[in-house]
Structure formats: C-alpha cells, structure tokens
Protein backbone atom coordinates (compact mmCIF):
# COMPACT_ATOMS: atom_id res chain seq x y z
CA MET A 1 -28.63 26.75 7.62
CA GLN A 2 -29.75 23.72 5.63
CA LYS A 3 -28.32 25.25 2.44
CA ASN A 4 -24.94 25.70 4.17
CA ASN A 5 -25.00 22.07 5.30
CA ILE A 6 -25.74 20.90 1.77
CA THR A 7 -22.91 23.07 0.42
CA THR A 8 -20.49 21.71 3.04
CA GLN A 9 -21.54 18.13 2.33
CA TYR A 10 -21.12 18.70 -1.41
CA ARG A 11 -17.59 20.05 -0.90
CA VAL A 12 -16.64 17.08 1.28
CA GLU A 13 -18.00 14.62 -1.28
CA LEU A 14 -16.33 16.48 -4.14
CA LYS A 15 -12.96 16.48 -2.35
CA GLU A 16 -13.26 12.73 -1.85
CA LYS A 17 -14.15 12.21 -5.49
CA ILE A 18 -11.24 14.39 -6.65
CA LEU A 19 -8.79 12.37 -4.53
CA LYS A 20 -10.12 9.07 -5.83
CA VAL A 21 -9.99 10.05 -9.51
CA SER A 22 -6.63 11.82 -9.16
CA MET A 23 -4.92 8.85 -7.55
CA GLN A 24 -6.34 6.53 -10.20
CA GLU A 25 -4.87 8.77 -12.90
CA PHE A 26 -1.50 9.20 -11.15
CA GLN A 27 -1.13 5.46 -10.56
CA LYS A 28 -2.19 4.57 -14.09
CA ASN A 29 -0.18 7.14 -16.07
CA GLY A 30 2.51 8.40 -13.72
CA ILE A 31 2.46 11.69 -11.82
CA LYS A 32 4.22 13.92 -14.34
CA ALA A 33 1.93 12.96 -17.20
CA VAL A 34 -1.23 14.02 -15.34
CA LYS A 35 -1.97 17.75 -15.28
CA MET A 36 -4.42 19.57 -13.03
CA ASP A 37 -6.34 20.42 -16.22
CA ASP A 38 -6.68 16.70 -16.96
CA ILE A 39 -8.16 16.06 -13.52
CA ALA A 40 -10.63 18.94 -13.83
CA ASN A 41 -11.72 17.73 -17.27
CA LYS A 42 -12.06 14.15 -16.06
CA LEU A 43 -14.35 15.29 -13.24
CA LEU A 44 -16.24 17.81 -15.39
CA ILE A 45 -15.44 20.63 -12.98
CA SER A 46 -13.73 23.97 -13.53
CA LYS A 47 -10.04 24.48 -12.81
CA ARG A 48 -11.05 27.20 -10.39
CA THR A 49 -13.12 24.75 -8.35
CA LEU A 50 -10.25 22.27 -8.31
CA TYR A 51 -7.71 24.88 -7.19
CA GLU A 52 -10.09 26.13 -4.48
CA LEU A 53 -10.05 22.65 -2.95
CA TYR A 54 -6.43 21.65 -3.69
CA ALA A 55 -3.80 24.34 -4.23
CA ASN A 56 -1.52 22.24 -6.45
CA LYS A 57 -0.66 18.75 -7.64
CA GLU A 58 1.63 18.06 -4.67
CA GLU A 59 -1.15 18.76 -2.16
CA LEU A 60 -3.50 16.54 -4.15
CA LEU A 61 -0.93 13.75 -4.27
CA TYR A 62 -0.10 14.11 -0.57
CA GLU A 63 -3.72 13.97 0.56
CA GLY A 64 -4.49 11.11 -1.82
CA LEU A 65 -1.57 9.02 -0.57
CA LYS A 66 -2.47 9.74 3.04
CA LYS A 67 -5.98 8.47 2.40
CA ILE A 68 -4.68 5.29 0.75
CA GLU A 69 -2.16 4.62 3.53
CA GLU A 70 -4.73 5.23 6.26
CA ALA A 71 -7.20 2.91 4.52
CA TYR A 72 -4.50 0.22 4.31
CA ASP A 73 -3.69 0.57 8.02
CA GLU A 74 -7.38 0.36 8.93
CA HIS A 75 -7.78 -2.76 6.79
CA MET A 76 -4.79 -4.50 8.38
CA VAL A 77 -5.96 -3.64 11.91
CA GLU A 78 -9.43 -4.96 11.14
CA PHE A 79 -8.03 -8.06 9.41
CA SER A 80 -5.62 -8.89 12.23
CA SER A 81 -8.34 -8.30 14.85
CA SER A 82 -10.49 -11.08 13.44
CA PRO A 83 -10.30 -14.21 15.65
CA GLU A 84 -9.92 -16.42 12.56
CA ASN A 85 -6.77 -14.60 11.38
CA GLY A 86 -3.51 -15.44 13.14
CA VAL A 87 0.02 -14.25 12.39
CA MET A 88 0.29 -16.48 9.32
CA GLU A 89 -2.92 -15.17 7.77
CA VAL A 90 -1.83 -11.58 8.49
CA ILE A 91 1.57 -11.90 6.79
CA ILE A 92 -0.01 -13.61 3.78
CA GLU A 93 -2.54 -10.78 3.51
CA PHE A 94 0.30 -8.24 3.71
CA TYR A 95 2.13 -9.84 0.77
CA ARG A 96 -1.09 -10.27 -1.19
CA ILE A 97 -1.75 -6.53 -0.97
CA GLN A 98 1.83 -5.64 -1.91
CA MET A 99 1.77 -7.85 -5.00
CA ALA A 100 -1.64 -6.53 -6.05
CA LYS A 101 -0.33 -2.97 -5.73
CA LEU A 102 2.70 -3.73 -7.87
CA SER A 103 0.58 -5.26 -10.60
CA GLU A 104 -1.87 -2.35 -10.73
CA ILE A 105 0.39 0.72 -10.48
CA ASN A 106 2.61 2.17 -13.20
CA PRO A 107 6.27 2.00 -12.01
CA LEU A 108 6.63 5.64 -13.08
CA PHE A 109 4.36 6.56 -10.21
CA PHE A 110 6.85 5.26 -7.65
CA SER A 111 9.93 6.74 -9.30
CA GLU A 112 8.32 10.16 -9.72
CA LEU A 113 7.28 10.31 -6.08
CA HIS A 114 10.90 11.08 -5.17
CA LYS A 115 10.51 14.57 -6.58
CA TYR A 116 8.22 15.43 -3.67
CA THR A 117 10.26 15.64 -0.45
CA ARG A 118 7.21 16.22 1.76
CA ILE A 119 5.59 13.05 0.46
CA ILE A 120 8.78 10.99 0.78
CA SER A 121 9.15 12.26 4.35
CA TYR A 122 5.58 11.15 5.10
CA LEU A 123 6.10 7.71 3.53
CA ASP A 124 9.38 7.27 5.44
CA SER A 125 7.60 8.04 8.70
CA LYS A 126 4.90 5.48 7.84
CA ARG A 127 7.58 2.90 7.05
CA ARG A 128 9.31 3.51 10.39
CA GLU A 129 5.99 3.29 12.19
CA ARG A 130 5.18 -0.02 10.50
CA ASP A 131 8.69 -1.38 11.03
CA SER A 132 8.33 -0.80 14.78
CA LYS A 133 5.02 -2.67 14.73
CA SER A 134 6.50 -5.49 12.65
CA ASP A 135 9.03 -6.17 15.41
CA SER A 136 6.25 -6.99 17.88
CA PHE A 137 4.41 -8.93 15.17
CA PHE A 138 7.37 -11.23 14.54
CA GLU A 139 7.97 -11.59 18.28
CA LYS A 140 4.39 -12.77 18.62
CA GLY A 141 4.90 -15.25 15.78
CA VAL A 142 8.03 -16.61 17.47
CA LYS A 143 6.28 -16.94 20.84
CA GLU A 144 3.35 -18.75 19.24
CA GLY A 145 5.74 -21.13 17.51
CA TYR A 146 5.11 -20.12 13.89
CA PHE A 147 8.38 -18.28 13.18
CA ARG A 148 11.99 -19.28 13.81
CA ALA A 149 13.64 -17.80 16.89
CA ASP A 150 17.12 -17.64 15.28
CA ALA A 151 16.24 -15.18 12.48
CA ASP A 152 17.13 -11.46 12.48
CA TYR A 153 13.78 -9.99 11.49
CA GLY A 154 15.12 -6.44 11.16
CA ILE A 155 17.51 -7.52 8.41
CA ILE A 156 14.86 -9.71 6.81
CA SER A 157 12.42 -6.78 6.67
CA GLU A 158 15.03 -4.63 4.90
CA ILE A 159 15.80 -7.38 2.39
CA ALA A 160 12.08 -7.84 1.71
CA ASN A 161 11.66 -4.08 1.13
CA TYR A 162 14.46 -4.07 -1.44
CA ALA A 163 12.99 -7.16 -3.10
CA VAL A 164 9.60 -5.50 -3.50
CA GLN A 165 11.36 -2.47 -5.01
CA GLY A 166 13.18 -4.79 -7.44
CA ILE A 167 9.96 -6.51 -8.46
CA MET A 168 8.52 -3.10 -9.27
CA GLU A 169 11.54 -1.82 -11.19
CA GLU A 170 11.94 -5.01 -13.24
CA LYS A 171 8.18 -5.26 -13.86
CA LEU A 172 8.10 -8.96 -13.00
CA TYR A 173 4.31 -8.74 -12.70
CA GLN A 174 4.24 -8.15 -16.49
CA LYS A 175 6.62 -11.00 -17.28
CA TYR A 176 4.75 -13.37 -14.97
CA THR A 177 1.21 -13.27 -13.61
CA PRO A 178 0.78 -11.37 -10.30
CA ARG A 179 -0.49 -14.61 -8.73
CA ARG A 180 2.71 -16.41 -9.73
CA VAL A 181 4.90 -13.61 -8.38
CA PHE A 182 2.89 -13.57 -5.15
CA ARG A 183 3.15 -17.32 -4.65
CA ASN A 184 6.91 -17.35 -5.17
CA ALA A 185 7.39 -14.31 -2.93
CA LEU A 186 5.63 -16.26 -0.19
CA LEU A 187 7.88 -19.25 -0.81
CA LEU A 188 11.01 -17.10 -0.64
CA PHE A 189 10.27 -14.70 2.20
CA ILE A 190 7.78 -16.42 4.46
CA ARG A 191 8.42 -20.13 4.16
CA GLY A 192 12.06 -19.68 5.18
CA LEU A 193 10.98 -17.98 8.41
CA CYS A 194 8.57 -20.69 9.45
CA THR A 195 8.86 -23.51 11.94
CA ASP A 196 7.21 -26.84 11.14
CA LYS A 197 4.04 -25.45 12.72
CA GLY A 198 4.14 -22.40 10.46
CA LEU A 199 4.97 -24.50 7.41
CA MET A 200 1.80 -26.52 7.82
CA ILE A 201 -0.28 -23.35 7.53
CA ILE A 202 1.68 -21.70 4.72
CA ASP A 203 1.66 -24.89 2.64
CA SER A 204 -2.08 -25.31 3.11
CA LYS A 205 -2.59 -21.70 1.92
CA LEU A 206 -0.30 -22.10 -1.07
CA HIS A 207 -2.09 -25.22 -2.22
CA ALA A 208 -5.60 -23.93 -1.52
C-alpha cells in the first residue's frame, strides 16, 4: 500500500514538473520549436514516460495553460481580498502582471496558440468569465468614487485588450523597458478613467 502511495505521489510530482518545464520552453522558444523529445531530454525521462502522462503536445499545452490561468485567478482573488488593496491597487496589479507576461514570453507563443482550437476555446471562455467580473469591478470603483461614471467600460476593456495585443506584436517591451511600458500603459488606460479621488492614488503609485 505504501509503495502504491509513493508511486502515485511520484507521478503527481512528475506531472507537475513536466508542466512547469514544458511551459517554460514553450514560452521561451515558441510552441512549434519545442518537440516532445526536447521536453523528455530536458527532464531526463524517457519519451515513453512522457507519453504515458501526456498523450501529445496539445494536451501538455492545454494542461499547462490551465494551471497558469488558475494560478493567476487565485492570485488576483487573494490580492483583492486583502484589506489593504482597494480597486486602484487591484487594477494596477492586473496591468503589472500583463506587462511582466509580455516582457517574458516569446511573441511566437501567442501567435502559435491559434493553431489549437481547444485551447483558444478555453482562453475565450476565461476571457468572457473575466469580462463579466470586470463589469462588477468597475461598478464598484464608480460607486466608491475612484472611476468616472460617464465611461463605457465594456468598450474600454475591448480597447485595452487590443492594445495589449499590439504591445506584444510590436515587441515594445524590447524597444523600451517593461517598467516604462507599464508606467505609460497605466497613464493611458487607468488615469483617464479616474476621478480626482482615483488620480490621487494612481499618481502616488506612479511616483513611488
């Protein structure tokens, strides 16, 4: 019984390690450039072992992305639940994470994702889920007096999504430092939404 438990625990730990290493390789080099053989060699395991745990690259990519997205959601829930973090701190943290992601991930990774319809379907569902939550988030910010009441936050969210895509495609994080891109993204997308009350907080964060 104990041997079975050890074997099960080893498999769980190995699956986690495979996901971590695989996503690092995909995000660094692009999806197409990374073969299942490369992942097995990187982990010093046999191809047979790898295929026993993950049937193909798409499954590996799907499970890896799910893990990353779930970890992001957990982080944002925990961050926003802290009494010291209000709506302004939450939106700044959101943009900080987005800019960090853009500076660390090869743009090929994003463009090659579109080959995998199952993964795109999953990411679209996550986007819709987050968009529905963002509506209540902005409503809260308006009620608390941080965000303008006359803005159409649905349109603004779409514009921001396209802007992030443009930053990625044009590789602005290579032309400028990620910190500089992040700061100016805050100026463009958040400062314009703020009331005087919100501006006091955003300006204090930008000059911290």
